[in-house]
Amino acid sequence: MELCRINGIFETEEMADLAAGRIRRNVQGIRRITVRPLGKSVPPAHGRERFTMLPANLRMMNYATDVLYAEIDGSRLPENLKRLNAELTVVCDSAAETRVSAIMQSLGAYHMQHKKL
């Protein structure tokens, strides 16, 4: 039987895992499923300091600056900096290709590629 490989990118690794589980449970003819995180993870920010330079006018013609230091709170990082995209690769029988593709698209896959093996 002819095999095909389907790749798709998901916004989060959790969505790629969800799609992989749904494909594994609902589609016959799956040969291999791989989830791979893309990009670099964000290093933990706890214990690091950030600084802000504030200009201050001291009733003179020139400006002086002051520097404020504060510890970074990792729980306050924006959600999009914590997220990693993930790539889901499915190798399956060609008869299951449309079903696998439909499940991946319904869960938000984009940049999908199909290739016959």
PDB file of N, CA and C in Angstrom:
ATOM      1  N   MET A   1       0.833  -1.179   0.000  1.00  0.00           N
ATOM      2  CA  MET A   1       0.000   0.000   0.000  1.00  0.00           C
ATOM      3  C   MET A   1       0.881   1.247   0.000  1.00  0.00           C
ATOM      4  N   GLU A   2       0.453   2.280  -0.679  1.00  0.00           N
ATOM      5  CA  GLU A   2       1.200   3.520  -0.774  1.00  0.00           C
ATOM      6  C   GLU A   2       1.057   4.330   0.508  1.00  0.00           C
ATOM      7  N   LEU A   3       2.171   4.926   0.939  1.00  0.00           N
ATOM      8  CA  LEU A   3       2.179   5.741   2.156  1.00  0.00           C
ATOM      9  C   LEU A   3       2.280   7.212   1.801  1.00  0.00           C
ATOM     10  N   CYS A   4       1.827   8.062   2.705  1.00  0.00           N
ATOM     11  CA  CYS A   4       1.995   9.504   2.535  1.00  0.00           C
ATOM     12  C   CYS A   4       2.390  10.115   3.877  1.00  0.00           C
ATOM     13  N   ARG A   5       3.060  11.277   3.765  1.00  0.00           N
ATOM     14  CA  ARG A   5       3.470  12.011   4.964  1.00  0.00           C
ATOM     15  C   ARG A   5       2.761  13.357   4.939  1.00  0.00           C
ATOM     16  N   ILE A   6       2.162  13.719   6.075  1.00  0.00           N
ATOM     17  CA  ILE A   6       1.453  14.989   6.212  1.00  0.00           C
ATOM     18  C   ILE A   6       2.105  15.771   7.347  1.00  0.00           C
ATOM     19  N   ASN A   7       2.532  16.993   7.051  1.00  0.00           N
ATOM     20  CA  ASN A   7       3.117  17.886   8.053  1.00  0.00           C
ATOM     21  C   ASN A   7       2.197  19.070   8.256  1.00  0.00           C
ATOM     22  N   GLY A   8       2.110  19.537   9.483  1.00  0.00           N
ATOM     23  CA  GLY A   8       1.334  20.739   9.783  1.00  0.00           C
ATOM     24  C   GLY A   8       1.906  21.432  10.997  1.00  0.00           C
ATOM     25  N   ILE A   9       1.787  22.757  11.032  1.00  0.00           N
ATOM     26  CA  ILE A   9       2.277  23.563  12.149  1.00  0.00           C
ATOM     27  C   ILE A   9       1.084  23.961  13.013  1.00  0.00           C
ATOM     28  N   PHE A  10       1.260  23.873  14.331  1.00  0.00           N
ATOM     29  CA  PHE A  10       0.224  24.269  15.291  1.00  0.00           C
ATOM     30  C   PHE A  10       0.760  25.402  16.148  1.00  0.00           C
ATOM     31  N   GLU A  11      -0.152  26.234  16.654  1.00  0.00           N
ATOM     32  CA  GLU A  11       0.227  27.377  17.494  1.00  0.00           C
ATOM     33  C   GLU A  11       0.876  26.952  18.803  1.00  0.00           C
ATOM     34  N   THR A  12       0.430  25.842  19.369  1.00  0.00           N
ATOM     35  CA  THR A  12       0.997  25.363  20.634  1.00  0.00           C
ATOM     36  C   THR A  12       1.283  23.871  20.539  1.00  0.00           C
ATOM     37  N   GLU A  13       2.168  23.430  21.384  1.00  0.00           N
ATOM     38  CA  GLU A  13       2.490  22.002  21.441  1.00  0.00           C
ATOM     39  C   GLU A  13       1.294  21.200  21.956  1.00  0.00           C
ATOM     40  N   GLU A  14       0.490  21.796  22.822  1.00  0.00           N
ATOM     41  CA  GLU A  14      -0.687  21.112  23.351  1.00  0.00           C
ATOM     42  C   GLU A  14      -1.691  20.800  22.242  1.00  0.00           C
ATOM     43  N   MET A  15      -1.876  21.745  21.303  1.00  0.00           N
ATOM     44  CA  MET A  15      -2.805  21.506  20.193  1.00  0.00           C
ATOM     45  C   MET A  15      -2.278  20.414  19.270  1.00  0.00           C
ATOM     46  N   ALA A  16      -0.972  20.366  19.060  1.00  0.00           N
ATOM     47  CA  ALA A  16      -0.388  19.303  18.239  1.00  0.00           C
ATOM     48  C   ALA A  16      -0.570  17.945  18.923  1.00  0.00           C
ATOM     49  N   ASP A  17      -0.388  17.889  20.247  1.00  0.00           N
ATOM     50  CA  ASP A  17      -0.606  16.644  20.988  1.00  0.00           C
ATOM     51  C   ASP A  17      -2.062  16.213  20.934  1.00  0.00           C
ATOM     52  N   LEU A  18      -2.968  17.179  21.036  1.00  0.00           N
ATOM     53  CA  LEU A  18      -4.396  16.872  20.956  1.00  0.00           C
ATOM     54  C   LEU A  18      -4.743  16.283  19.587  1.00  0.00           C
ATOM     55  N   ALA A  19      -4.210  16.885  18.533  1.00  0.00           N
ATOM     56  CA  ALA A  19      -4.457  16.372  17.180  1.00  0.00           C
ATOM     57  C   ALA A  19      -3.859  14.983  17.005  1.00  0.00           C
ATOM     58  N   ALA A  20      -2.656  14.767  17.531  1.00  0.00           N
ATOM     59  CA  ALA A  20      -2.021  13.455  17.420  1.00  0.00           C
ATOM     60  C   ALA A  20      -2.856  12.377  18.110  1.00  0.00           C
ATOM     61  N   GLY A  21      -3.367  12.679  19.301  1.00  0.00           N
ATOM     62  CA  GLY A  21      -4.206  11.718  20.016  1.00  0.00           C
ATOM     63  C   GLY A  21      -5.506  11.427  19.290  1.00  0.00           C
ATOM     64  N   ARG A  22      -6.120  12.477  18.750  1.00  0.00           N
ATOM     65  CA  ARG A  22      -7.384  12.282  18.031  1.00  0.00           C
ATOM     66  C   ARG A  22      -7.163  11.454  16.760  1.00  0.00           C
ATOM     67  N   ILE A  23      -6.067  11.700  16.060  1.00  0.00           N
ATOM     68  CA  ILE A  23      -5.755  10.918  14.863  1.00  0.00           C
ATOM     69  C   ILE A  23      -5.489   9.467  15.232  1.00  0.00           C
ATOM     70  N   ARG A  24      -4.702   9.263  16.285  1.00  0.00           N
ATOM     71  CA  ARG A  24      -4.365   7.902  16.719  1.00  0.00           C
ATOM     72  C   ARG A  24      -5.623   7.112  17.091  1.00  0.00           C
ATOM     73  N   ARG A  25      -6.587   7.763  17.736  1.00  0.00           N
ATOM     74  CA  ARG A  25      -7.808   7.065  18.176  1.00  0.00           C
ATOM     75  C   ARG A  25      -8.822   6.839  17.059  1.00  0.00           C
ATOM     76  N   ASN A  26      -8.898   7.751  16.094  1.00  0.00           N
ATOM     77  CA  ASN A  26      -9.999   7.726  15.144  1.00  0.00           C
ATOM     78  C   ASN A  26      -9.663   7.294  13.724  1.00  0.00           C
ATOM     79  N   VAL A  27      -8.393   7.128  13.399  1.00  0.00           N
ATOM     80  CA  VAL A  27      -8.029   6.831  12.017  1.00  0.00           C
ATOM     81  C   VAL A  27      -7.240   5.521  11.968  1.00  0.00           C
ATOM     82  N   GLN A  28      -7.627   4.649  11.052  1.00  0.00           N
ATOM     83  CA  GLN A  28      -6.909   3.398  10.821  1.00  0.00           C
ATOM     84  C   GLN A  28      -5.810   3.633   9.782  1.00  0.00           C
ATOM     85  N   GLY A  29      -4.734   2.876   9.862  1.00  0.00           N
ATOM     86  CA  GLY A  29      -3.667   2.963   8.862  1.00  0.00           C
ATOM     87  C   GLY A  29      -2.569   3.957   9.195  1.00  0.00           C
ATOM     88  N   ILE A  30      -2.458   4.336  10.450  1.00  0.00           N
ATOM     89  CA  ILE A  30      -1.401   5.265  10.879  1.00  0.00           C
ATOM     90  C   ILE A  30      -0.123   4.467  11.111  1.00  0.00           C
ATOM     91  N   ARG A  31       0.959   4.918  10.519  1.00  0.00           N
ATOM     92  CA  ARG A  31       2.261   4.249  10.684  1.00  0.00           C
ATOM     93  C   ARG A  31       3.132   4.930  11.735  1.00  0.00           C
ATOM     94  N   ARG A  32       3.156   6.265  11.729  1.00  0.00           N
ATOM     95  CA  ARG A  32       4.003   6.986  12.681  1.00  0.00           C
ATOM     96  C   ARG A  32       3.446   8.385  12.894  1.00  0.00           C
ATOM     97  N   ILE A  33       3.502   8.858  14.138  1.00  0.00           N
ATOM     98  CA  ILE A  33       3.103  10.225  14.489  1.00  0.00           C
ATOM     99  C   ILE A  33       4.233  10.853  15.305  1.00  0.00           C
ATOM    100  N   THR A  34       4.645  12.045  14.894  1.00  0.00           N
ATOM    101  CA  THR A  34       5.730  12.744  15.581  1.00  0.00           C
ATOM    102  C   THR A  34       5.317  14.183  15.858  1.00  0.00           C
ATOM    103  N   VAL A  35       5.522  14.641  17.099  1.00  0.00           N
ATOM    104  CA  VAL A  35       5.305  16.039  17.474  1.00  0.00           C
ATOM    105  C   VAL A  35       6.664  16.619  17.833  1.00  0.00           C
ATOM    106  N   ARG A  36       7.008  17.733  17.184  1.00  0.00           N
ATOM    107  CA  ARG A  36       8.306  18.356  17.411  1.00  0.00           C
ATOM    108  C   ARG A  36       8.111  19.840  17.707  1.00  0.00           C
ATOM    109  N   PRO A  37       8.579  20.321  18.874  1.00  0.00           N
ATOM    110  CA  PRO A  37       8.484  21.759  19.177  1.00  0.00           C
ATOM    111  C   PRO A  37       9.374  22.560  18.231  1.00  0.00           C
ATOM    112  N   LEU A  38       8.913  23.729  17.846  1.00  0.00           N
ATOM    113  CA  LEU A  38       9.676  24.606  16.966  1.00  0.00           C
ATOM    114  C   LEU A  38      10.116  25.839  17.735  1.00  0.00           C
ATOM    115  N   GLY A  39      11.250  26.375  17.387  1.00  0.00           N
ATOM    116  CA  GLY A  39      11.726  27.604  18.011  1.00  0.00           C
ATOM    117  C   GLY A  39      12.436  27.337  19.320  1.00  0.00           C
ATOM    118  N   LYS A  40      12.878  28.411  19.910  1.00  0.00           N
ATOM    119  CA  LYS A  40      13.599  28.336  21.179  1.00  0.00           C
ATOM    120  C   LYS A  40      12.634  28.550  22.330  1.00  0.00           C
ATOM    121  N   SER A  41      12.885  27.861  23.408  1.00  0.00           N
ATOM    122  CA  SER A  41      12.047  28.100  24.579  1.00  0.00           C
ATOM    123  C   SER A  41      12.505  29.387  25.253  1.00  0.00           C
ATOM    124  N   VAL A  42      11.604  29.992  25.944  1.00  0.00           N
ATOM    125  CA  VAL A  42      11.916  31.230  26.653  1.00  0.00           C
ATOM    126  C   VAL A  42      12.601  30.867  27.959  1.00  0.00           C
ATOM    127  N   PRO A  43      13.792  31.408  28.213  1.00  0.00           N
ATOM    128  CA  PRO A  43      14.465  31.081  29.471  1.00  0.00           C
ATOM    129  C   PRO A  43      13.683  31.618  30.654  1.00  0.00           C
ATOM    130  N   PRO A  44      13.745  30.939  31.781  1.00  0.00           N
ATOM    131  CA  PRO A  44      13.019  31.450  32.941  1.00  0.00           C
ATOM    132  C   PRO A  44      13.538  32.826  33.339  1.00  0.00           C
ATOM    133  N   ALA A  45      12.632  33.694  33.672  1.00  0.00           N
ATOM    134  CA  ALA A  45      13.001  35.079  33.967  1.00  0.00           C
ATOM    135  C   ALA A  45      13.189  35.331  35.457  1.00  0.00           C
ATOM    136  N   HIS A  46      12.894  34.341  36.296  1.00  0.00           N
ATOM    137  CA  HIS A  46      12.998  34.555  37.739  1.00  0.00           C
ATOM    138  C   HIS A  46      14.433  34.878  38.135  1.00  0.00           C
ATOM    139  N   GLY A  47      14.580  35.838  39.033  1.00  0.00           N
ATOM    140  CA  GLY A  47      15.899  36.178  39.541  1.00  0.00           C
ATOM    141  C   GLY A  47      16.648  37.198  38.696  1.00  0.00           C
ATOM    142  N   ARG A  48      16.145  37.515  37.524  1.00  0.00           N
ATOM    143  CA  ARG A  48      16.803  38.507  36.694  1.00  0.00           C
ATOM    144  C   ARG A  48      16.236  39.886  37.017  1.00  0.00           C
ATOM    145  N   GLU A  49      17.013  40.900  36.654  1.00  0.00           N
ATOM    146  CA  GLU A  49      16.569  42.264  36.915  1.00  0.00           C
ATOM    147  C   GLU A  49      16.391  43.009  35.605  1.00  0.00           C
ATOM    148  N   ARG A  50      15.445  43.905  35.591  1.00  0.00           N
ATOM    149  CA  ARG A  50      15.292  44.814  34.462  1.00  0.00           C
ATOM    150  C   ARG A  50      15.484  46.216  35.002  1.00  0.00           C
ATOM    151  N   PHE A  51      15.856  47.109  34.131  1.00  0.00           N
ATOM    152  CA  PHE A  51      16.034  48.477  34.590  1.00  0.00           C
ATOM    153  C   PHE A  51      15.336  49.430  33.638  1.00  0.00           C
ATOM    154  N   THR A  52      14.978  50.559  34.155  1.00  0.00           N
ATOM    155  CA  THR A  52      14.333  51.624  33.403  1.00  0.00           C
ATOM    156  C   THR A  52      15.071  52.915  33.693  1.00  0.00           C
ATOM    157  N   MET A  53      15.428  53.612  32.632  1.00  0.00           N
ATOM    158  CA  MET A  53      16.081  54.908  32.814  1.00  0.00           C
ATOM    159  C   MET A  53      15.027  55.994  32.672  1.00  0.00           C
ATOM    160  N   LEU A  54      14.922  56.839  33.673  1.00  0.00           N
ATOM    161  CA  LEU A  54      13.935  57.912  33.676  1.00  0.00           C
ATOM    162  C   LEU A  54      14.628  59.256  33.527  1.00  0.00           C
ATOM    163  N   PRO A  55      14.212  60.049  32.551  1.00  0.00           N
ATOM    164  CA  PRO A  55      14.781  61.396  32.480  1.00  0.00           C
ATOM    165  C   PRO A  55      14.141  62.272  33.559  1.00  0.00           C
ATOM    166  N   ALA A  56      14.929  63.117  34.133  1.00  0.00           N
ATOM    167  CA  ALA A  56      14.409  64.005  35.186  1.00  0.00           C
ATOM    168  C   ALA A  56      14.930  65.420  34.934  1.00  0.00           C
ATOM    169  N   ASN A  57      14.029  66.376  34.929  1.00  0.00           N
ATOM    170  CA  ASN A  57      14.413  67.771  34.759  1.00  0.00           C
ATOM    171  C   ASN A  57      14.593  68.375  36.150  1.00  0.00           C
ATOM    172  N   LEU A  58      15.788  68.820  36.425  1.00  0.00           N
ATOM    173  CA  LEU A  58      16.101  69.346  37.749  1.00  0.00           C
ATOM    174  C   LEU A  58      16.104  70.872  37.756  1.00  0.00           C
ATOM    175  N   ARG A  59      15.163  71.474  37.037  1.00  0.00           N
ATOM    176  CA  ARG A  59      15.053  72.932  36.916  1.00  0.00           C
ATOM    177  C   ARG A  59      16.340  73.548  36.390  1.00  0.00           C
ATOM    178  N   MET A  60      16.921  72.803  35.483  1.00  0.00           N
ATOM    179  CA  MET A  60      18.134  73.292  34.829  1.00  0.00           C
ATOM    180  C   MET A  60      17.917  73.220  33.329  1.00  0.00           C
ATOM    181  N   MET A  61      18.903  73.629  32.627  1.00  0.00           N
ATOM    182  CA  MET A  61      18.822  73.575  31.173  1.00  0.00           C
ATOM    183  C   MET A  61      19.098  72.164  30.648  1.00  0.00           C
ATOM    184  N   ASN A  62      19.751  71.338  31.418  1.00  0.00           N
ATOM    185  CA  ASN A  62      20.047  69.979  30.942  1.00  0.00           C
ATOM    186  C   ASN A  62      19.237  68.949  31.741  1.00  0.00           C
ATOM    187  N   TYR A  63      19.267  67.745  31.295  1.00  0.00           N
ATOM    188  CA  TYR A  63      18.516  66.667  31.937  1.00  0.00           C
ATOM    189  C   TYR A  63      19.462  65.723  32.655  1.00  0.00           C
ATOM    190  N   ALA A  64      19.002  65.194  33.730  1.00  0.00           N
ATOM    191  CA  ALA A  64      19.713  64.131  34.433  1.00  0.00           C
ATOM    192  C   ALA A  64      18.863  62.874  34.293  1.00  0.00           C
ATOM    193  N   THR A  65      19.438  61.738  34.548  1.00  0.00           N
ATOM    194  CA  THR A  65      18.668  60.492  34.463  1.00  0.00           C
ATOM    195  C   THR A  65      18.752  59.755  35.785  1.00  0.00           C
ATOM    196  N   ASP A  66      17.754  58.961  36.028  1.00  0.00           N
ATOM    197  CA  ASP A  66      17.730  58.115  37.209  1.00  0.00           C
ATOM    198  C   ASP A  66      17.429  56.706  36.714  1.00  0.00           C
ATOM    199  N   VAL A  67      17.936  55.719  37.392  1.00  0.00           N
ATOM    200  CA  VAL A  67      17.741  54.332  36.976  1.00  0.00           C
ATOM    201  C   VAL A  67      16.964  53.606  38.063  1.00  0.00           C
ATOM    202  N   LEU A  68      15.881  52.949  37.672  1.00  0.00           N
ATOM    203  CA  LEU A  68      15.091  52.137  38.586  1.00  0.00           C
ATOM    204  C   LEU A  68      15.336  50.669  38.273  1.00  0.00           C
ATOM    205  N   TYR A  69      15.570  49.867  39.290  1.00  0.00           N
ATOM    206  CA  TYR A  69      15.770  48.438  39.116  1.00  0.00           C
ATOM    207  C   TYR A  69      14.606  47.687  39.731  1.00  0.00           C
ATOM    208  N   ALA A  70      14.202  46.609  39.084  1.00  0.00           N
ATOM    209  CA  ALA A  70      13.128  45.778  39.618  1.00  0.00           C
ATOM    210  C   ALA A  70      13.364  44.338  39.170  1.00  0.00           C
ATOM    211  N   GLU A  71      13.023  43.406  40.019  1.00  0.00           N
ATOM    212  CA  GLU A  71      13.161  41.996  39.664  1.00  0.00           C
ATOM    213  C   GLU A  71      12.015  41.606  38.732  1.00  0.00           C
ATOM    214  N   ILE A  72      12.331  40.777  37.743  1.00  0.00           N
ATOM    215  CA  ILE A  72      11.321  40.338  36.774  1.00  0.00           C
ATOM    216  C   ILE A  72      10.490  39.221  37.386  1.00  0.00           C
ATOM    217  N   ASP A  73       9.196  39.346  37.268  1.00  0.00           N
ATOM    218  CA  ASP A  73       8.274  38.310  37.722  1.00  0.00           C
ATOM    219  C   ASP A  73       7.900  37.454  36.514  1.00  0.00           C
ATOM    220  N   GLY A  74       8.296  36.170  36.501  1.00  0.00           N
ATOM    221  CA  GLY A  74       8.049  35.285  35.368  1.00  0.00           C
ATOM    222  C   GLY A  74       6.587  35.029  35.089  1.00  0.00           C
ATOM    223  N   SER A  75       5.737  35.161  36.089  1.00  0.00           N
ATOM    224  CA  SER A  75       4.311  34.925  35.873  1.00  0.00           C
ATOM    225  C   SER A  75       3.661  36.070  35.103  1.00  0.00           C
ATOM    226  N   ARG A  76       4.362  37.198  34.962  1.00  0.00           N
ATOM    227  CA  ARG A  76       3.792  38.347  34.271  1.00  0.00           C
ATOM    228  C   ARG A  76       4.251  38.457  32.826  1.00  0.00           C
ATOM    229  N   LEU A  77       5.001  37.446  32.337  1.00  0.00           N
ATOM    230  CA  LEU A  77       5.407  37.460  30.936  1.00  0.00           C
ATOM    231  C   LEU A  77       4.180  37.284  30.053  1.00  0.00           C
ATOM    232  N   PRO A  78       4.125  37.940  28.902  1.00  0.00           N
ATOM    233  CA  PRO A  78       2.995  37.751  27.993  1.00  0.00           C
ATOM    234  C   PRO A  78       2.889  36.296  27.537  1.00  0.00           C
ATOM    235  N   GLU A  79       1.673  35.840  27.351  1.00  0.00           N
ATOM    236  CA  GLU A  79       1.431  34.444  26.984  1.00  0.00           C
ATOM    237  C   GLU A  79       2.124  34.064  25.686  1.00  0.00           C
ATOM    238  N   ASN A  80       2.169  34.976  24.713  1.00  0.00           N
ATOM    239  CA  ASN A  80       2.772  34.620  23.435  1.00  0.00           C
ATOM    240  C   ASN A  80       4.277  34.381  23.534  1.00  0.00           C
ATOM    241  N   LEU A  81       4.938  34.891  24.568  1.00  0.00           N
ATOM    242  CA  LEU A  81       6.354  34.602  24.760  1.00  0.00           C
ATOM    243  C   LEU A  81       6.573  33.228  25.385  1.00  0.00           C
ATOM    244  N   LYS A  82       5.565  32.690  26.048  1.00  0.00           N
ATOM    245  CA  LYS A  82       5.692  31.387  26.682  1.00  0.00           C
ATOM    246  C   LYS A  82       5.366  30.250  25.710  1.00  0.00           C
ATOM    247  N   ARG A  83       4.621  30.570  24.647  1.00  0.00           N
ATOM    248  CA  ARG A  83       4.166  29.543  23.719  1.00  0.00           C
ATOM    249  C   ARG A  83       5.242  29.143  22.733  1.00  0.00           C
ATOM    250  N   LEU A  84       5.217  27.882  22.335  1.00  0.00           N
ATOM    251  CA  LEU A  84       6.081  27.379  21.280  1.00  0.00           C
ATOM    252  C   LEU A  84       5.219  26.757  20.210  1.00  0.00           C
ATOM    253  N   ASN A  85       5.481  27.085  18.961  1.00  0.00           N
ATOM    254  CA  ASN A  85       4.814  26.387  17.883  1.00  0.00           C
ATOM    255  C   ASN A  85       5.326  24.955  17.848  1.00  0.00           C
ATOM    256  N   ALA A  86       4.552  24.065  17.255  1.00  0.00           N
ATOM    257  CA  ALA A  86       4.952  22.668  17.153  1.00  0.00           C
ATOM    258  C   ALA A  86       4.567  22.140  15.783  1.00  0.00           C
ATOM    259  N   GLU A  87       5.369  21.217  15.288  1.00  0.00           N
ATOM    260  CA  GLU A  87       5.097  20.576  14.007  1.00  0.00           C
ATOM    261  C   GLU A  87       4.618  19.154  14.263  1.00  0.00           C
ATOM    262  N   LEU A  88       3.519  18.788  13.641  1.00  0.00           N
ATOM    263  CA  LEU A  88       2.981  17.432  13.720  1.00  0.00           C
ATOM    264  C   LEU A  88       3.223  16.759  12.380  1.00  0.00           C
ATOM    265  N   THR A  89       3.878  15.594  12.407  1.00  0.00           N
ATOM    266  CA  THR A  89       4.127  14.812  11.200  1.00  0.00           C
ATOM    267  C   THR A  89       3.438  13.474  11.352  1.00  0.00           C
ATOM    268  N   VAL A  90       2.632  13.112  10.372  1.00  0.00           N
ATOM    269  CA  VAL A  90       1.900  11.844  10.381  1.00  0.00           C
ATOM    270  C   VAL A  90       2.255  11.084   9.120  1.00  0.00           C
ATOM    271  N   VAL A  91       2.691   9.839   9.277  1.00  0.00           N
ATOM    272  CA  VAL A  91       2.905   8.937   8.147  1.00  0.00           C
ATOM    273  C   VAL A  91       1.778   7.923   8.195  1.00  0.00           C
ATOM    274  N   CYS A  92       1.021   7.836   7.102  1.00  0.00           N
ATOM    275  CA  CYS A  92      -0.162   6.979   7.090  1.00  0.00           C
ATOM    276  C   CYS A  92      -0.375   6.377   5.707  1.00  0.00           C
ATOM    277  N   ASP A  93      -1.311   5.432   5.617  1.00  0.00           N
ATOM    278  CA  ASP A  93      -1.716   4.892   4.327  1.00  0.00           C
ATOM    279  C   ASP A  93      -2.384   5.997   3.525  1.00  0.00           C
ATOM    280  N   SER A  94      -2.287   5.923   2.211  1.00  0.00           N
ATOM    281  CA  SER A  94      -2.876   6.977   1.384  1.00  0.00           C
ATOM    282  C   SER A  94      -4.396   7.030   1.518  1.00  0.00           C
ATOM    283  N   ALA A  95      -5.026   5.922   1.922  1.00  0.00           N
ATOM    284  CA  ALA A  95      -6.483   5.916   2.111  1.00  0.00           C
ATOM    285  C   ALA A  95      -6.897   6.786   3.296  1.00  0.00           C
ATOM    286  N   ALA A  96      -6.004   6.982   4.263  1.00  0.00           N
ATOM    287  CA  ALA A  96      -6.326   7.765   5.462  1.00  0.00           C
ATOM    288  C   ALA A  96      -5.911   9.226   5.338  1.00  0.00           C
ATOM    289  N   GLU A  97      -5.334   9.604   4.213  1.00  0.00           N
ATOM    290  CA  GLU A  97      -4.774  10.951   4.062  1.00  0.00           C
ATOM    291  C   GLU A  97      -5.812  12.052   4.251  1.00  0.00           C
ATOM    292  N   THR A  98      -6.958  11.933   3.634  1.00  0.00           N
ATOM    293  CA  THR A  98      -7.961  13.001   3.738  1.00  0.00           C
ATOM    294  C   THR A  98      -8.520  13.108   5.153  1.00  0.00           C
ATOM    295  N   ARG A  99      -8.683  11.990   5.810  1.00  0.00           N
ATOM    296  CA  ARG A  99      -9.207  12.003   7.183  1.00  0.00           C
ATOM    297  C   ARG A  99      -8.210  12.657   8.146  1.00  0.00           C
ATOM    298  N   VAL A 100      -6.927  12.286   8.010  1.00  0.00           N
ATOM    299  CA  VAL A 100      -5.879  12.876   8.853  1.00  0.00           C
ATOM    300  C   VAL A 100      -5.793  14.375   8.602  1.00  0.00           C
ATOM    301  N   SER A 101      -5.814  14.764   7.346  1.00  0.00           N
ATOM    302  CA  SER A 101      -5.740  16.176   6.990  1.00  0.00           C
ATOM    303  C   SER A 101      -6.919  16.960   7.563  1.00  0.00           C
ATOM    304  N   ALA A 102      -8.105  16.390   7.510  1.00  0.00           N
ATOM    305  CA  ALA A 102      -9.293  17.061   8.042  1.00  0.00           C
ATOM    306  C   ALA A 102      -9.199  17.256   9.546  1.00  0.00           C
ATOM    307  N   ILE A 103      -8.708  16.254  10.262  1.00  0.00           N
ATOM    308  CA  ILE A 103      -8.571  16.377  11.724  1.00  0.00           C
ATOM    309  C   ILE A 103      -7.544  17.448  12.069  1.00  0.00           C
ATOM    310  N   MET A 104      -6.426  17.455  11.353  1.00  0.00           N
ATOM    311  CA  MET A 104      -5.392  18.447  11.630  1.00  0.00           C
ATOM    312  C   MET A 104      -5.902  19.865  11.360  1.00  0.00           C
ATOM    313  N   GLN A 105      -6.594  20.057  10.249  1.00  0.00           N
ATOM    314  CA  GLN A 105      -7.113  21.389   9.936  1.00  0.00           C
ATOM    315  C   GLN A 105      -8.187  21.825  10.920  1.00  0.00           C
ATOM    316  N   SER A 106      -9.005  20.885  11.385  1.00  0.00           N
ATOM    317  CA  SER A 106     -10.061  21.255  12.333  1.00  0.00           C
ATOM    318  C   SER A 106      -9.501  21.698  13.681  1.00  0.00           C
ATOM    319  N   LEU A 107      -8.275  21.287  13.988  1.00  0.00           N
ATOM    320  CA  LEU A 107      -7.651  21.683  15.250  1.00  0.00           C
ATOM    321  C   LEU A 107      -6.632  22.811  15.077  1.00  0.00           C
ATOM    322  N   GLY A 108      -6.624  23.438  13.895  1.00  0.00           N
ATOM    323  CA  GLY A 108      -5.830  24.650  13.726  1.00  0.00           C
ATOM    324  C   GLY A 108      -4.497  24.514  13.037  1.00  0.00           C
ATOM    325  N   ALA A 109      -4.243  23.426  12.329  1.00  0.00           N
ATOM    326  CA  ALA A 109      -2.968  23.282  11.630  1.00  0.00           C
ATOM    327  C   ALA A 109      -2.902  24.251  10.456  1.00  0.00           C
ATOM    328  N   TYR A 110      -1.709  24.763  10.205  1.00  0.00           N
ATOM    329  CA  TYR A 110      -1.483  25.615   9.038  1.00  0.00           C
ATOM    330  C   TYR A 110      -0.150  25.226   8.414  1.00  0.00           C
ATOM    331  N   HIS A 111       0.144  25.756   7.236  1.00  0.00           N
ATOM    332  CA  HIS A 111       1.331  25.382   6.456  1.00  0.00           C
ATOM    333  C   HIS A 111       1.391  23.866   6.278  1.00  0.00           C
ATOM    334  N   MET A 112       0.279  23.286   5.897  1.00  0.00           N
ATOM    335  CA  MET A 112       0.222  21.831   5.750  1.00  0.00           C
ATOM    336  C   MET A 112       0.881  21.427   4.436  1.00  0.00           C
ATOM    337  N   GLN A 113       1.597  20.301   4.482  1.00  0.00           N
ATOM    338  CA  GLN A 113       2.258  19.741   3.305  1.00  0.00           C
ATOM    339  C   GLN A 113       1.945  18.266   3.226  1.00  0.00           C
ATOM    340  N   HIS A 114       1.639  17.793   2.019  1.00  0.00           N
ATOM    341  CA  HIS A 114       1.363  16.379   1.767  1.00  0.00           C
ATOM    342  C   HIS A 114       2.435  15.867   0.818  1.00  0.00           C
ATOM    343  N   LYS A 115       2.946  14.668   1.096  1.00  0.00           N
ATOM    344  CA  LYS A 115       3.954  14.081   0.221  1.00  0.00           C
ATOM    345  C   LYS A 115       3.746  12.575   0.155  1.00  0.00           C
ATOM    346  N   LYS A 116       3.728  12.050  -1.034  1.00  0.00           N
ATOM    347  CA  LYS A 116       3.641  10.603  -1.234  1.00  0.00           C
ATOM    348  C   LYS A 116       5.005   9.990  -0.992  1.00  0.00           C
ATOM    349  N   LEU A 117       5.055   8.865  -0.306  1.00  0.00           N
ATOM    350  CA  LEU A 117       6.328   8.185  -0.024  1.00  0.00           C
ATOM    351  C   LEU A 117       6.468   6.950  -0.866  1.00  0.00           C
TER     352      LEU A 117
END
